[in-house]
Amino acid sequence: MASIYDLKPKFQRLLRPLVSRLAAAGVTANQVTIAAVVLSVLGGGLIAWRPFEAWPLLLLPLVLFLRMGLNAIDGMLAREFGQQSKLGAILNELGDVLSDAALYLPLAWVPFVWVPLIEGVVVLAVISEMTGVVAVQIGAKRQYQGPMGKSDRAFWFGALGLALGLGVAPGNWINGLLGMMLVLLVLTIINRARAALKETHAA
């Protein structure tokens, strides 16, 4: 199924000159991975600190965009500049789920948000990423299928933060959106599991 992840190659081409300069300056992929986690913790911390104010929510799309950029940069540094490592693989996978939790769980304090829905989205997001990683254990590639992968979640939550930050009145529409995300996350888990099994059967 279609996912914003499919746009990653174009995004990487735009970032390649910057990545080359970072590599020349001695910046490592692991440093960038950790920076993405720190950025996410700070962004989520601002929302938790001021959940009834608009400006932390207005910053959420920017934080998510920067995080996506950092995630692309660390992968390019690792693959294209010989920085791949076992530690880097661990940091990359753990960093993604930690960043998701740090950024999205504080939204539970935003007015009208039903806490179990936010918790459900974060839990299913972790399971979807785990499903993608488990594929490697059965001899398949790391799976990134949508329709609610990491980039898709960033888009949806970024749009939510932007709407609330610009003054759209909070209401049950938030919970409707989160409910849709839950359904799409279930489909994502199924798609990743089926794709991994299909790949191993074909092999």
C-alpha atoms as a PDB file:
ATOM      1  CA  MET A   1       0.000   0.000   0.000  1.00  0.00           C
ATOM      2  CA  ALA A   2       1.126   3.555  -0.684  1.00  0.00           C
ATOM      3  CA  SER A   3       3.194   5.317   1.960  1.00  0.00           C
ATOM      4  CA  ILE A   4       5.009   8.628   2.303  1.00  0.00           C
ATOM      5  CA  TYR A   5       8.102   6.423   2.751  1.00  0.00           C
ATOM      6  CA  ASP A   6       7.999   5.970  -1.045  1.00  0.00           C
ATOM      7  CA  LEU A   7       9.154   9.594  -1.380  1.00  0.00           C
ATOM      8  CA  LYS A   8      12.356   8.863   0.564  1.00  0.00           C
ATOM      9  CA  PRO A   9      14.670   8.590  -2.492  1.00  0.00           C
ATOM     10  CA  LYS A  10      13.725  12.104  -3.645  1.00  0.00           C
ATOM     11  CA  PHE A  11      14.213  13.448  -0.124  1.00  0.00           C
ATOM     12  CA  GLN A  12      17.634  11.816   0.036  1.00  0.00           C
ATOM     13  CA  ARG A  13      18.722  13.421  -3.234  1.00  0.00           C
ATOM     14  CA  LEU A  14      17.948  16.846  -1.783  1.00  0.00           C
ATOM     15  CA  LEU A  15      19.945  16.056   1.348  1.00  0.00           C
ATOM     16  CA  ARG A  16      22.993  14.507  -0.348  1.00  0.00           C
ATOM     17  CA  PRO A  17      25.084  17.724  -0.577  1.00  0.00           C
ATOM     18  CA  LEU A  18      24.483  18.405   3.127  1.00  0.00           C
ATOM     19  CA  VAL A  19      25.349  14.806   4.019  1.00  0.00           C
ATOM     20  CA  SER A  20      28.632  15.072   2.133  1.00  0.00           C
ATOM     21  CA  ARG A  21      29.563  18.204   4.075  1.00  0.00           C
ATOM     22  CA  LEU A  22      28.650  16.570   7.386  1.00  0.00           C
ATOM     23  CA  ALA A  23      30.776  13.526   6.568  1.00  0.00           C
ATOM     24  CA  ALA A  24      33.700  15.775   5.640  1.00  0.00           C
ATOM     25  CA  ALA A  25      33.296  17.567   8.976  1.00  0.00           C
ATOM     26  CA  GLY A  26      33.555  14.261  10.860  1.00  0.00           C
ATOM     27  CA  VAL A  27      29.909  13.939  11.874  1.00  0.00           C
ATOM     28  CA  THR A  28      28.927  10.292  12.412  1.00  0.00           C
ATOM     29  CA  ALA A  29      25.681   8.477  11.707  1.00  0.00           C
ATOM     30  CA  ASN A  30      25.314   7.508  15.367  1.00  0.00           C
ATOM     31  CA  GLN A  31      25.643  11.140  16.464  1.00  0.00           C
ATOM     32  CA  VAL A  32      22.847  12.109  14.092  1.00  0.00           C
ATOM     33  CA  THR A  33      20.664   9.241  15.348  1.00  0.00           C
ATOM     34  CA  ILE A  34      21.098  10.379  18.943  1.00  0.00           C
ATOM     35  CA  ALA A  35      20.416  13.987  17.947  1.00  0.00           C
ATOM     36  CA  ALA A  36      17.071  12.893  16.459  1.00  0.00           C
ATOM     37  CA  VAL A  37      16.093  11.245  19.765  1.00  0.00           C
ATOM     38  CA  VAL A  38      17.125  14.301  21.782  1.00  0.00           C
ATOM     39  CA  LEU A  39      15.132  16.550  19.454  1.00  0.00           C
ATOM     40  CA  SER A  40      12.067  14.335  19.887  1.00  0.00           C
ATOM     41  CA  VAL A  41      12.381  14.312  23.678  1.00  0.00           C
ATOM     42  CA  LEU A  42      12.620  18.108  23.705  1.00  0.00           C
ATOM     43  CA  GLY A  43       9.635  18.476  21.381  1.00  0.00           C
ATOM     44  CA  GLY A  44       7.512  16.103  23.420  1.00  0.00           C
ATOM     45  CA  GLY A  45       8.677  17.728  26.634  1.00  0.00           C
ATOM     46  CA  LEU A  46       7.423  21.118  25.464  1.00  0.00           C
ATOM     47  CA  ILE A  47       3.982  19.660  24.751  1.00  0.00           C
ATOM     48  CA  ALA A  48       3.883  17.953  28.162  1.00  0.00           C
ATOM     49  CA  TRP A  49       4.985  21.204  29.821  1.00  0.00           C
ATOM     50  CA  ARG A  50       2.376  23.386  28.094  1.00  0.00           C
ATOM     51  CA  PRO A  51      -0.394  21.030  26.841  1.00  0.00           C
ATOM     52  CA  PHE A  52      -3.048  23.768  26.913  1.00  0.00           C
ATOM     53  CA  GLU A  53      -1.053  26.232  24.814  1.00  0.00           C
ATOM     54  CA  ALA A  54      -0.838  26.426  21.033  1.00  0.00           C
ATOM     55  CA  TRP A  55       2.848  27.144  20.419  1.00  0.00           C
ATOM     56  CA  PRO A  56       4.262  23.706  21.416  1.00  0.00           C
ATOM     57  CA  LEU A  57       1.750  22.073  19.057  1.00  0.00           C
ATOM     58  CA  LEU A  58       2.690  24.526  16.332  1.00  0.00           C
ATOM     59  CA  LEU A  59       6.312  23.421  16.751  1.00  0.00           C
ATOM     60  CA  LEU A  60       5.380  19.738  16.347  1.00  0.00           C
ATOM     61  CA  PRO A  61       5.377  19.735  12.513  1.00  0.00           C
ATOM     62  CA  LEU A  62       8.794  21.415  12.494  1.00  0.00           C
ATOM     63  CA  VAL A  63      10.216  18.929  14.998  1.00  0.00           C
ATOM     64  CA  LEU A  64       8.828  16.023  12.966  1.00  0.00           C
ATOM     65  CA  PHE A  65      10.237  17.411   9.721  1.00  0.00           C
ATOM     66  CA  LEU A  66      13.680  17.887  11.276  1.00  0.00           C
ATOM     67  CA  ARG A  67      13.508  14.401  12.754  1.00  0.00           C
ATOM     68  CA  MET A  68      12.699  12.923   9.342  1.00  0.00           C
ATOM     69  CA  GLY A  69      15.652  14.801   7.900  1.00  0.00           C
ATOM     70  CA  LEU A  70      17.984  13.521  10.617  1.00  0.00           C
ATOM     71  CA  ASN A  71      16.710   9.975  10.114  1.00  0.00           C
ATOM     72  CA  ALA A  72      17.471  10.194   6.409  1.00  0.00           C
ATOM     73  CA  ILE A  73      20.889  11.719   7.052  1.00  0.00           C
ATOM     74  CA  ASP A  74      22.025   9.048   9.516  1.00  0.00           C
ATOM     75  CA  GLY A  75      21.130   6.292   7.047  1.00  0.00           C
ATOM     76  CA  MET A  76      22.980   8.013   4.218  1.00  0.00           C
ATOM     77  CA  LEU A  77      26.052   8.579   6.356  1.00  0.00           C
ATOM     78  CA  ALA A  78      26.030   4.918   7.351  1.00  0.00           C
ATOM     79  CA  ARG A  79      25.535   3.465   3.862  1.00  0.00           C
ATOM     80  CA  GLU A  80      27.423   5.919   1.675  1.00  0.00           C
ATOM     81  CA  PHE A  81      30.361   6.777   3.932  1.00  0.00           C
ATOM     82  CA  GLY A  82      31.210   3.388   5.436  1.00  0.00           C
ATOM     83  CA  GLN A  83      29.747   4.060   8.885  1.00  0.00           C
ATOM     84  CA  GLN A  84      27.474   1.018   9.169  1.00  0.00           C
ATOM     85  CA  SER A  85      27.840  -0.809  12.481  1.00  0.00           C
ATOM     86  CA  LYS A  86      25.969  -3.157  14.777  1.00  0.00           C
ATOM     87  CA  LEU A  87      25.674  -0.370  17.351  1.00  0.00           C
ATOM     88  CA  GLY A  88      24.275   1.908  14.680  1.00  0.00           C
ATOM     89  CA  ALA A  89      21.612  -0.645  13.742  1.00  0.00           C
ATOM     90  CA  ILE A  90      20.538  -0.921  17.389  1.00  0.00           C
ATOM     91  CA  LEU A  91      20.490   2.846  17.894  1.00  0.00           C
ATOM     92  CA  ASN A  92      18.522   3.347  14.695  1.00  0.00           C
ATOM     93  CA  GLU A  93      15.708   0.950  15.613  1.00  0.00           C
ATOM     94  CA  LEU A  94      15.522   1.922  19.282  1.00  0.00           C
ATOM     95  CA  GLY A  95      15.778   5.597  18.402  1.00  0.00           C
ATOM     96  CA  ASP A  96      12.688   5.402  16.193  1.00  0.00           C
ATOM     97  CA  VAL A  97      10.403   3.887  18.825  1.00  0.00           C
ATOM     98  CA  LEU A  98      11.795   6.087  21.610  1.00  0.00           C
ATOM     99  CA  SER A  99      11.257   9.183  19.484  1.00  0.00           C
ATOM    100  CA  ASP A 100       7.691   8.150  18.672  1.00  0.00           C
ATOM    101  CA  ALA A 101       6.880   7.631  22.342  1.00  0.00           C
ATOM    102  CA  ALA A 102       8.560  10.870  23.418  1.00  0.00           C
ATOM    103  CA  LEU A 103       6.749  12.973  20.807  1.00  0.00           C
ATOM    104  CA  TYR A 104       3.293  11.419  20.764  1.00  0.00           C
ATOM    105  CA  LEU A 105       2.518  10.306  24.324  1.00  0.00           C
ATOM    106  CA  PRO A 106       2.487  13.924  25.654  1.00  0.00           C
ATOM    107  CA  LEU A 107      -0.475  14.568  23.358  1.00  0.00           C
ATOM    108  CA  ALA A 108      -2.507  12.649  25.941  1.00  0.00           C
ATOM    109  CA  TRP A 109      -2.609  15.913  27.944  1.00  0.00           C
ATOM    110  CA  VAL A 110      -4.083  17.918  25.067  1.00  0.00           C
ATOM    111  CA  PRO A 111      -7.787  18.761  25.644  1.00  0.00           C
ATOM    112  CA  PHE A 112     -10.339  16.330  24.133  1.00  0.00           C
ATOM    113  CA  VAL A 113      -7.729  13.662  23.421  1.00  0.00           C
ATOM    114  CA  TRP A 114      -8.856  10.259  24.696  1.00  0.00           C
ATOM    115  CA  VAL A 115      -5.769   8.856  26.399  1.00  0.00           C
ATOM    116  CA  PRO A 116      -6.289   5.170  25.418  1.00  0.00           C
ATOM    117  CA  LEU A 117      -6.253   6.157  21.745  1.00  0.00           C
ATOM    118  CA  ILE A 118      -2.882   7.875  21.978  1.00  0.00           C
ATOM    119  CA  GLU A 119      -1.521   4.952  23.979  1.00  0.00           C
ATOM    120  CA  GLY A 120      -2.907   2.541  21.396  1.00  0.00           C
ATOM    121  CA  VAL A 121      -1.314   4.416  18.516  1.00  0.00           C
ATOM    122  CA  VAL A 122       2.088   4.411  20.217  1.00  0.00           C
ATOM    123  CA  VAL A 123       1.855   0.715  21.154  1.00  0.00           C
ATOM    124  CA  LEU A 124       0.798  -0.321  17.640  1.00  0.00           C
ATOM    125  CA  ALA A 125       3.502   1.896  16.163  1.00  0.00           C
ATOM    126  CA  VAL A 126       6.092   0.002  18.222  1.00  0.00           C
ATOM    127  CA  ILE A 127       4.584  -3.329  17.127  1.00  0.00           C
ATOM    128  CA  SER A 128       4.642  -2.240  13.478  1.00  0.00           C
ATOM    129  CA  GLU A 129       8.333  -1.369  13.705  1.00  0.00           C
ATOM    130  CA  MET A 130       9.009  -4.630  15.555  1.00  0.00           C
ATOM    131  CA  THR A 131       7.244  -6.502  12.757  1.00  0.00           C
ATOM    132  CA  GLY A 132       9.507  -4.827  10.236  1.00  0.00           C
ATOM    133  CA  VAL A 133      12.605  -5.844  12.193  1.00  0.00           C
ATOM    134  CA  VAL A 134      11.434  -9.399  12.925  1.00  0.00           C
ATOM    135  CA  ALA A 135      11.304  -9.949   9.169  1.00  0.00           C
ATOM    136  CA  VAL A 136      15.114 -10.012   9.210  1.00  0.00           C
ATOM    137  CA  GLN A 137      15.052 -12.911  11.685  1.00  0.00           C
ATOM    138  CA  ILE A 138      13.158 -15.097   9.236  1.00  0.00           C
ATOM    139  CA  GLY A 139      15.458 -14.295   6.328  1.00  0.00           C
ATOM    140  CA  ALA A 140      13.606 -11.383   4.715  1.00  0.00           C
ATOM    141  CA  LYS A 141      14.601  -7.726   4.344  1.00  0.00           C
ATOM    142  CA  ARG A 142      13.635  -5.057   6.858  1.00  0.00           C
ATOM    143  CA  GLN A 143      10.029  -4.213   6.002  1.00  0.00           C
ATOM    144  CA  TYR A 144       8.794  -0.613   5.621  1.00  0.00           C
ATOM    145  CA  GLN A 145       5.311  -1.008   4.125  1.00  0.00           C
ATOM    146  CA  GLY A 146       2.461   1.386   4.974  1.00  0.00           C
ATOM    147  CA  PRO A 147      -0.113   2.693   5.107  1.00  0.00           C
ATOM    148  CA  MET A 148       0.957   3.991   8.542  1.00  0.00           C
ATOM    149  CA  GLY A 149       4.732   3.788   8.638  1.00  0.00           C
ATOM    150  CA  LYS A 150       7.022   6.185  10.478  1.00  0.00           C
ATOM    151  CA  SER A 151       6.820   8.904   7.823  1.00  0.00           C
ATOM    152  CA  ASP A 152       3.042   8.565   7.578  1.00  0.00           C
ATOM    153  CA  ARG A 153       2.678   8.920  11.344  1.00  0.00           C
ATOM    154  CA  ALA A 154       4.845  12.016  11.242  1.00  0.00           C
ATOM    155  CA  PHE A 155       2.611  13.509   8.537  1.00  0.00           C
ATOM    156  CA  TRP A 156      -0.614  12.778  10.415  1.00  0.00           C
ATOM    157  CA  PHE A 157       0.636  14.020  13.775  1.00  0.00           C
ATOM    158  CA  GLY A 158       2.272  17.015  12.145  1.00  0.00           C
ATOM    159  CA  ALA A 159      -1.032  17.940  10.515  1.00  0.00           C
ATOM    160  CA  LEU A 160      -2.799  17.509  13.870  1.00  0.00           C
ATOM    161  CA  GLY A 161      -0.292  19.745  15.646  1.00  0.00           C
ATOM    162  CA  LEU A 162      -0.476  22.353  12.897  1.00  0.00           C
ATOM    163  CA  ALA A 163      -4.281  22.447  12.983  1.00  0.00           C
ATOM    164  CA  LEU A 164      -4.438  22.818  16.763  1.00  0.00           C
ATOM    165  CA  GLY A 165      -1.547  25.277  16.800  1.00  0.00           C
ATOM    166  CA  LEU A 166      -3.309  27.486  14.266  1.00  0.00           C
ATOM    167  CA  GLY A 167      -6.411  27.642  16.409  1.00  0.00           C
ATOM    168  CA  VAL A 168      -8.690  24.889  15.111  1.00  0.00           C
ATOM    169  CA  ALA A 169     -10.965  24.068  18.051  1.00  0.00           C
ATOM    170  CA  PRO A 170     -10.139  20.722  19.658  1.00  0.00           C
ATOM    171  CA  GLY A 171     -12.978  18.225  19.691  1.00  0.00           C
ATOM    172  CA  ASN A 172     -13.978  14.662  18.960  1.00  0.00           C
ATOM    173  CA  TRP A 173     -12.494  14.982  15.471  1.00  0.00           C
ATOM    174  CA  ILE A 174      -9.113  14.409  17.132  1.00  0.00           C
ATOM    175  CA  ASN A 175     -10.227  11.038  18.459  1.00  0.00           C
ATOM    176  CA  GLY A 176     -11.720  10.158  15.083  1.00  0.00           C
ATOM    177  CA  LEU A 177      -8.342  10.826  13.468  1.00  0.00           C
ATOM    178  CA  LEU A 178      -6.550   8.741  16.094  1.00  0.00           C
ATOM    179  CA  GLY A 179      -9.046   5.933  15.567  1.00  0.00           C
ATOM    180  CA  MET A 180      -8.276   5.962  11.842  1.00  0.00           C
ATOM    181  CA  MET A 181      -4.575   5.784  12.654  1.00  0.00           C
ATOM    182  CA  LEU A 182      -5.192   2.705  14.804  1.00  0.00           C
ATOM    183  CA  VAL A 183      -6.933   0.932  11.935  1.00  0.00           C
ATOM    184  CA  LEU A 184      -4.170   1.877   9.493  1.00  0.00           C
ATOM    185  CA  LEU A 185      -1.509   0.706  11.945  1.00  0.00           C
ATOM    186  CA  VAL A 186      -3.186  -2.706  12.152  1.00  0.00           C
ATOM    187  CA  LEU A 187      -3.119  -2.868   8.336  1.00  0.00           C
ATOM    188  CA  THR A 188       0.545  -1.842   8.396  1.00  0.00           C
ATOM    189  CA  ILE A 189       1.429  -4.679  10.764  1.00  0.00           C
ATOM    190  CA  ILE A 190      -0.433  -7.166   8.569  1.00  0.00           C
ATOM    191  CA  ASN A 191       1.177  -5.839   5.387  1.00  0.00           C
ATOM    192  CA  ARG A 192       4.685  -6.061   6.825  1.00  0.00           C
ATOM    193  CA  ALA A 193       4.159  -9.573   8.155  1.00  0.00           C
ATOM    194  CA  ARG A 194       2.647 -10.784   4.868  1.00  0.00           C
ATOM    195  CA  ALA A 195       5.401  -9.166   2.792  1.00  0.00           C
ATOM    196  CA  ALA A 196       8.105 -10.801   4.912  1.00  0.00           C
ATOM    197  CA  LEU A 197       6.478 -14.229   4.651  1.00  0.00           C
ATOM    198  CA  LYS A 198       5.976 -13.811   0.914  1.00  0.00           C
ATOM    199  CA  GLU A 199       9.630 -12.909   0.468  1.00  0.00           C
ATOM    200  CA  THR A 200      10.856 -15.947   2.393  1.00  0.00           C
ATOM    201  CA  HIS A 201       8.478 -18.285   0.562  1.00  0.00           C
ATOM    202  CA  ALA A 202       9.673 -16.935  -2.775  1.00  0.00           C
ATOM    203  CA  ALA A 203      13.288 -17.521  -1.743  1.00  0.00           C
END
